[in-house]
Amino acid sequence: MSDNNDHEVLVPASAAKWIALVGGILVPIALGVIVANVYSGSEDQTVQVYPLPEE
C-alpha cells in the first residue's frame, strides 16, 4: 500500500468560481426578469384612477 494522497479530481478547481458566478449572479437576475414579466402584466390592461371626493 502506498501512502500517497492521490485523489481523483471529478471537477476542475475553477468549477467553484463558475458555480458561484451562476448561482450568485445569473440565477437572481433571471428570476428577477421572470418575476418582473409576470407581475407587470400586459400593456393592454389599464387602471382607471378616480379623484377623491371633496369634503
Protein backbone atom coordinates (compact mmCIF):
# COMPACT_ATOMS: atom_id res chain seq x y z
CA MET A 1 0.00 0.00 0.00
CA SER A 2 1.25 3.44 -0.77
CA ASP A 3 0.82 6.45 1.45
CA ASN A 4 0.40 8.84 -1.46
CA ASN A 5 -2.57 11.17 -1.22
CA ASP A 6 -3.51 10.83 -4.86
CA HIS A 7 -7.17 11.65 -5.26
CA GLU A 8 -9.15 11.58 -8.41
CA VAL A 9 -10.46 15.01 -9.32
CA LEU A 10 -14.00 14.90 -10.65
CA VAL A 11 -14.29 18.61 -11.40
CA PRO A 12 -11.58 21.16 -12.10
CA ALA A 13 -10.55 23.62 -9.42
CA SER A 14 -12.11 26.52 -11.31
CA ALA A 15 -15.57 24.92 -11.04
CA ALA A 16 -16.26 26.73 -7.76
CA LYS A 17 -15.80 30.08 -9.50
CA TRP A 18 -18.34 29.20 -12.20
CA ILE A 19 -20.83 27.76 -9.71
CA ALA A 20 -20.60 30.94 -7.65
CA LEU A 21 -20.99 33.09 -10.76
CA VAL A 22 -24.08 31.25 -11.95
CA GLY A 23 -25.65 30.80 -8.52
CA GLY A 24 -24.85 34.23 -7.18
CA ILE A 25 -25.41 36.49 -10.16
CA LEU A 26 -27.13 34.89 -13.13
CA VAL A 27 -29.85 32.97 -11.28
CA PRO A 28 -31.12 36.01 -9.30
CA ILE A 29 -31.08 38.15 -12.44
CA ALA A 30 -33.04 35.51 -14.37
CA LEU A 31 -35.56 35.17 -11.54
CA GLY A 32 -35.93 38.95 -11.36
CA VAL A 33 -36.65 39.19 -15.07
CA ILE A 34 -39.22 36.39 -14.88
CA VAL A 35 -40.98 37.88 -11.85
CA ALA A 36 -40.98 41.35 -13.42
CA ASN A 37 -42.60 39.98 -16.57
CA VAL A 38 -45.22 38.05 -14.61
CA TYR A 39 -46.23 40.93 -12.35
CA SER A 40 -46.05 43.67 -14.96
CA GLY A 41 -48.91 42.15 -16.93
CA SER A 42 -49.70 43.03 -20.49
CA GLU A 43 -49.71 46.58 -21.80
CA ASP A 44 -53.40 46.29 -22.78
CA GLN A 45 -54.54 46.36 -19.17
CA THR A 46 -55.09 49.87 -17.88
CA VAL A 47 -56.20 51.08 -14.48
CA GLN A 48 -58.71 53.88 -14.15
CA VAL A 49 -57.90 56.22 -11.27
CA TYR A 50 -60.67 58.40 -9.93
CA PRO A 51 -60.04 61.52 -7.83
CA LEU A 52 -61.13 61.53 -4.21
CA PRO A 53 -64.40 63.34 -3.50
CA GLU A 54 -64.03 66.77 -1.99
CA GLU A 55 -65.35 67.18 1.52
